[in-house]
Structures are given as C-alpha cells and as structure tokens.
Amino acid sequence: MAHAQADVDGEIHGINVTPLVDIMLVLLLIFMITTHLDQPGALGVSLPKASTASEAPVSSLNIVIAKDGGLKLDGQPTTLSAIQARAARGTPETQAVVSADQGVTYDKVVGVVDAVRRGGVNKLALAADLAEEK
C-alpha cells in the first residue's frame, strides 16, 4: 500500500512544506544581497573619514555620488532633477543620506544637497567612515 497524503475520506493529514522552505530561502538570499548593494562601499565609493562619524540614520532617500560624478538614488542611476522630484514626493519625516566618494568635488555635493532641499527634504546627513584616533 502506498503512502498517501489523504485517506479514503479525503482528509489531509500532512502538508508538504519543502517547496515553501525553498521559496523562503531564495527570498532571504535576494534580500540579503540587495540590502548590501545600497551601501556606499558596495558601489565602489570610498567615504571620507571623520572622527565624529556615527551610524547612518535610516533614510528614505539614499543618494550616492561616485568618484566619476555619477549619481545613484536608492541604487539606481539618476539625475539632479530626478532627486529633487523624488524629494518633493516625500513627507515632513523624509530623511536623506548623501554618500560621496572622497574624490568628488565639493560643488557636486552641494548640488545634490541643494536638489534635496529644493525638493522639500530638510533632514539630511552626510555619510562618512569613522576615523581611528591616534
């Protein structure tokens, strides 16, 4: 007699959870990979050092300025006008974190900060790595 999931009356005595576990593991891997891609170090950005640097706040807008001047908003290539438009869709609680490579010129950083503020976001942080004190 073969082992069946249901007996003669049609009652189910067990559920095969193996496919569910497989799907959950794949989703877990996807989330782990995408979480690390939005961090500045994962995108090839070398942040400047600061002795007062702290953990970056949870942000609604994560803006990265690469060494070549390229802009990314939440991991996607973007422009200053798109950053301003996205900031304009925010709420009063929206926060922005700007991560710029240490080789980026100051005017590029100011341009991004200005676009965020023109969009109406006033909670702004500049990302930096913690410098070791000597």
C-alpha atoms as a PDB file:
ATOM      1  CA  MET A   1       0.000   0.000   0.000  1.00  0.00           C
ATOM      2  CA  ALA A   2       1.428   3.396  -1.000  1.00  0.00           C
ATOM      3  CA  HIS A   3       1.724   6.249   1.477  1.00  0.00           C
ATOM      4  CA  ALA A   4      -0.804   8.906   0.558  1.00  0.00           C
ATOM      5  CA  GLN A   5      -1.386  12.430   1.833  1.00  0.00           C
ATOM      6  CA  ALA A   6      -5.134  11.848   2.157  1.00  0.00           C
ATOM      7  CA  ASP A   7      -7.045   8.801   3.324  1.00  0.00           C
ATOM      8  CA  VAL A   8     -10.256   7.345   1.880  1.00  0.00           C
ATOM      9  CA  ASP A   9     -12.452  10.111   3.389  1.00  0.00           C
ATOM     10  CA  GLY A  10     -10.387  12.859   1.702  1.00  0.00           C
ATOM     11  CA  GLU A  11      -8.929  14.254   4.915  1.00  0.00           C
ATOM     12  CA  ILE A  12      -5.472  15.798   4.686  1.00  0.00           C
ATOM     13  CA  HIS A  13      -3.098  14.533   7.355  1.00  0.00           C
ATOM     14  CA  GLY A  14       0.014  16.438   6.369  1.00  0.00           C
ATOM     15  CA  ILE A  15       1.248  19.327   4.267  1.00  0.00           C
ATOM     16  CA  ASN A  16       4.496  19.191   2.335  1.00  0.00           C
ATOM     17  CA  VAL A  17       6.398  22.329   3.413  1.00  0.00           C
ATOM     18  CA  THR A  18       9.557  21.669   1.384  1.00  0.00           C
ATOM     19  CA  PRO A  19       8.554  23.971  -1.525  1.00  0.00           C
ATOM     20  CA  LEU A  20       7.663  26.724   0.960  1.00  0.00           C
ATOM     21  CA  VAL A  21      11.057  26.443   2.664  1.00  0.00           C
ATOM     22  CA  ASP A  22      12.817  26.545  -0.720  1.00  0.00           C
ATOM     23  CA  ILE A  23      10.995  29.738  -1.715  1.00  0.00           C
ATOM     24  CA  MET A  24      11.701  31.400   1.638  1.00  0.00           C
ATOM     25  CA  LEU A  25      15.428  30.624   1.380  1.00  0.00           C
ATOM     26  CA  VAL A  26      15.600  32.115  -2.113  1.00  0.00           C
ATOM     27  CA  LEU A  27      13.799  35.266  -0.910  1.00  0.00           C
ATOM     28  CA  LEU A  28      16.144  35.520   2.064  1.00  0.00           C
ATOM     29  CA  LEU A  29      19.180  35.387  -0.234  1.00  0.00           C
ATOM     30  CA  ILE A  30      17.710  38.031  -2.548  1.00  0.00           C
ATOM     31  CA  PHE A  31      17.020  40.394   0.364  1.00  0.00           C
ATOM     32  CA  MET A  32      20.499  39.862   1.827  1.00  0.00           C
ATOM     33  CA  ILE A  33      22.177  40.694  -1.487  1.00  0.00           C
ATOM     34  CA  THR A  34      20.053  43.757  -2.266  1.00  0.00           C
ATOM     35  CA  THR A  35      20.468  45.133   1.257  1.00  0.00           C
ATOM     36  CA  HIS A  36      24.239  45.278   0.844  1.00  0.00           C
ATOM     37  CA  LEU A  37      24.086  46.826  -2.633  1.00  0.00           C
ATOM     38  CA  ASP A  38      22.646  50.100  -1.366  1.00  0.00           C
ATOM     39  CA  GLN A  39      25.616  50.699   0.945  1.00  0.00           C
ATOM     40  CA  PRO A  40      28.278  53.098  -0.374  1.00  0.00           C
ATOM     41  CA  GLY A  41      31.132  50.596  -0.021  1.00  0.00           C
ATOM     42  CA  ALA A  42      29.292  48.072  -2.175  1.00  0.00           C
ATOM     43  CA  LEU A  43      29.108  50.589  -5.023  1.00  0.00           C
ATOM     44  CA  GLY A  44      32.825  51.391  -5.096  1.00  0.00           C
ATOM     45  CA  VAL A  45      32.584  54.627  -3.094  1.00  0.00           C
ATOM     46  CA  SER A  46      35.392  55.411  -0.674  1.00  0.00           C
ATOM     47  CA  LEU A  47      33.876  57.612   2.032  1.00  0.00           C
ATOM     48  CA  PRO A  48      35.956  60.290   3.742  1.00  0.00           C
ATOM     49  CA  LYS A  49      36.981  59.693   7.361  1.00  0.00           C
ATOM     50  CA  ALA A  50      35.589  61.682  10.308  1.00  0.00           C
ATOM     51  CA  SER A  51      36.335  61.223  13.991  1.00  0.00           C
ATOM     52  CA  THR A  52      32.721  62.060  14.906  1.00  0.00           C
ATOM     53  CA  ALA A  53      31.096  59.757  12.352  1.00  0.00           C
ATOM     54  CA  SER A  54      28.226  57.653  13.644  1.00  0.00           C
ATOM     55  CA  GLU A  55      25.844  55.061  12.279  1.00  0.00           C
ATOM     56  CA  ALA A  56      23.899  56.471   9.338  1.00  0.00           C
ATOM     57  CA  PRO A  57      20.228  57.063  10.151  1.00  0.00           C
ATOM     58  CA  VAL A  58      17.515  55.090   8.432  1.00  0.00           C
ATOM     59  CA  SER A  59      16.837  57.079   5.308  1.00  0.00           C
ATOM     60  CA  SER A  60      14.050  57.417   2.826  1.00  0.00           C
ATOM     61  CA  LEU A  61      16.438  58.761   0.185  1.00  0.00           C
ATOM     62  CA  ASN A  62      19.841  57.116  -0.175  1.00  0.00           C
ATOM     63  CA  ILE A  63      21.964  59.158  -2.603  1.00  0.00           C
ATOM     64  CA  VAL A  64      25.435  58.036  -3.699  1.00  0.00           C
ATOM     65  CA  ILE A  65      27.878  60.237  -5.627  1.00  0.00           C
ATOM     66  CA  ALA A  66      30.554  58.116  -7.319  1.00  0.00           C
ATOM     67  CA  LYS A  67      34.130  59.281  -7.917  1.00  0.00           C
ATOM     68  CA  ASP A  68      33.332  59.961 -11.586  1.00  0.00           C
ATOM     69  CA  GLY A  69      30.384  62.188 -10.540  1.00  0.00           C
ATOM     70  CA  GLY A  70      27.681  59.637 -11.348  1.00  0.00           C
ATOM     71  CA  LEU A  71      24.578  59.808  -9.149  1.00  0.00           C
ATOM     72  CA  LYS A  72      22.533  56.938  -7.757  1.00  0.00           C
ATOM     73  CA  LEU A  73      19.253  57.237  -5.883  1.00  0.00           C
ATOM     74  CA  ASP A  74      18.385  54.108  -3.889  1.00  0.00           C
ATOM     75  CA  GLY A  75      20.849  52.135  -6.021  1.00  0.00           C
ATOM     76  CA  GLN A  76      19.513  53.306  -9.404  1.00  0.00           C
ATOM     77  CA  PRO A  77      21.278  55.773 -11.750  1.00  0.00           C
ATOM     78  CA  THR A  78      19.635  59.189 -11.545  1.00  0.00           C
ATOM     79  CA  THR A  79      19.913  62.942 -12.186  1.00  0.00           C
ATOM     80  CA  LEU A  80      19.659  66.048 -10.000  1.00  0.00           C
ATOM     81  CA  SER A  81      16.155  66.791 -11.310  1.00  0.00           C
ATOM     82  CA  ALA A  82      15.008  63.241 -10.506  1.00  0.00           C
ATOM     83  CA  ILE A  83      16.437  63.574  -6.976  1.00  0.00           C
ATOM     84  CA  GLN A  84      14.542  66.828  -6.491  1.00  0.00           C
ATOM     85  CA  ALA A  85      11.312  65.269  -7.836  1.00  0.00           C
ATOM     86  CA  ARG A  86      11.671  62.244  -5.526  1.00  0.00           C
ATOM     87  CA  ALA A  87      12.341  64.533  -2.551  1.00  0.00           C
ATOM     88  CA  ALA A  88       9.224  66.551  -3.413  1.00  0.00           C
ATOM     89  CA  ARG A  89       7.106  63.374  -3.080  1.00  0.00           C
ATOM     90  CA  GLY A  90       8.353  62.873   0.475  1.00  0.00           C
ATOM     91  CA  THR A  91       6.702  63.685   3.786  1.00  0.00           C
ATOM     92  CA  PRO A  92       7.958  66.000   6.557  1.00  0.00           C
ATOM     93  CA  GLU A  93       9.610  62.907   8.102  1.00  0.00           C
ATOM     94  CA  THR A  94      11.573  62.006   4.948  1.00  0.00           C
ATOM     95  CA  GLN A  95      15.326  61.761   5.554  1.00  0.00           C
ATOM     96  CA  ALA A  96      18.141  61.814   3.012  1.00  0.00           C
ATOM     97  CA  VAL A  97      21.648  60.386   3.378  1.00  0.00           C
ATOM     98  CA  VAL A  98      24.253  61.583   0.879  1.00  0.00           C
ATOM     99  CA  SER A  99      27.302  59.332   0.438  1.00  0.00           C
ATOM    100  CA  ALA A 100      30.030  60.924  -1.684  1.00  0.00           C
ATOM    101  CA  ASP A 101      33.381  59.436  -2.635  1.00  0.00           C
ATOM    102  CA  GLN A 102      36.256  61.362  -1.086  1.00  0.00           C
ATOM    103  CA  GLY A 103      37.469  62.263  -4.596  1.00  0.00           C
ATOM    104  CA  VAL A 104      34.222  64.044  -5.526  1.00  0.00           C
ATOM    105  CA  THR A 105      34.417  67.816  -5.871  1.00  0.00           C
ATOM    106  CA  TYR A 106      32.663  69.956  -3.289  1.00  0.00           C
ATOM    107  CA  ASP A 107      30.382  71.632  -5.850  1.00  0.00           C
ATOM    108  CA  LYS A 108      28.913  68.231  -6.820  1.00  0.00           C
ATOM    109  CA  VAL A 109      27.996  67.504  -3.177  1.00  0.00           C
ATOM    110  CA  VAL A 110      26.497  70.984  -2.754  1.00  0.00           C
ATOM    111  CA  GLY A 111      24.458  70.481  -5.932  1.00  0.00           C
ATOM    112  CA  VAL A 112      22.963  67.252  -4.580  1.00  0.00           C
ATOM    113  CA  VAL A 113      22.232  68.798  -1.159  1.00  0.00           C
ATOM    114  CA  ASP A 114      20.610  71.766  -2.905  1.00  0.00           C
ATOM    115  CA  ALA A 115      18.416  69.467  -5.047  1.00  0.00           C
ATOM    116  CA  VAL A 116      17.272  67.571  -1.941  1.00  0.00           C
ATOM    117  CA  ARG A 117      16.416  70.796  -0.101  1.00  0.00           C
ATOM    118  CA  ARG A 118      14.628  72.301  -3.132  1.00  0.00           C
ATOM    119  CA  GLY A 119      12.518  69.149  -3.094  1.00  0.00           C
ATOM    120  CA  GLY A 120      11.473  69.938   0.473  1.00  0.00           C
ATOM    121  CA  VAL A 121      13.580  67.463   2.475  1.00  0.00           C
ATOM    122  CA  ASN A 122      15.351  69.180   5.367  1.00  0.00           C
ATOM    123  CA  LYS A 123      16.537  66.126   7.323  1.00  0.00           C
ATOM    124  CA  LEU A 124      19.883  65.450   5.725  1.00  0.00           C
ATOM    125  CA  ALA A 125      23.011  63.512   6.694  1.00  0.00           C
ATOM    126  CA  LEU A 126      26.393  63.210   5.010  1.00  0.00           C
ATOM    127  CA  ALA A 127      27.891  59.719   5.286  1.00  0.00           C
ATOM    128  CA  ALA A 128      31.462  59.216   6.487  1.00  0.00           C
ATOM    129  CA  ASP A 129      33.556  56.353   7.828  1.00  0.00           C
ATOM    130  CA  LEU A 130      34.727  56.500  11.421  1.00  0.00           C
ATOM    131  CA  ALA A 131      38.360  57.595  11.609  1.00  0.00           C
ATOM    132  CA  GLU A 132      40.596  55.815  14.089  1.00  0.00           C
ATOM    133  CA  GLU A 133      42.007  58.207  16.675  1.00  0.00           C
ATOM    134  CA  LYS A 134      45.756  58.166  17.186  1.00  0.00           C
END
